Amino acid sequence: MSKEQVAEDPIDKEKLQKQAEQEVQERFQSSDFFDDFILYTLNNFSHRYFASTPAPKSEQIDALTYRVQQREVPVKEGLTSQNTKIKQGTKEMVKKYSPRDGASLLYEMRVGLEHKDPQKPGVAYLTCIVSWDHPEHGLKQNCFKNEFLYEYSEAIELRNKLAYHLENLCEIF
């Protein structure tokens, strides 16, 4: 491309940015995009924070709730955790169950939505859990939860900030 052509076709950054934002907004008009985006984000975080190979796959457990879980056997990560509650809970579990019993920790990341209407403000319920409630892992007791209620004004804001807020919660892993 010659210098004359570049001068004749200047790139309008504002126009390109508005066009990109409009395309994202159009994609968010479908609830499938919410589903795909959240599942994709949880998969990426599972690769980063869960030590198993292959990393677990995220799943949609109902119309508005998504999660990814990983059982950890052996439980050495829990025994060396910086979180004293997780470390103490893991020690108590190890006293009750031997490695032969398959003592395990359960890690979970969860995203729940209030709704999937891209035209309305919404709420995302973000949760990261470490459970030492072997073998049931009911996630009601003998676990540590890191939770955050994220209120967003539009779907694009959820897209832009979900990973940031999950990152802050994942410090427990």
Foldseek 3Di string as FASTA:
>chain_A
DDPVVCVVDPDDVVVVVVVVVVVVLVLLQDLVSVVVLVQVLQCVVQPVQPDDPPGFGKDAPDSFKIKGKDKDPPPVCQCPFPDPLSNVLLVVLCVVDPSVNVQIKMWMWMWGWPDSRQQAKTKIKTKIKIARPPPPPPVPPRMDMDIDIDTGGGPVVCSVCVNVVNVVRSSRD
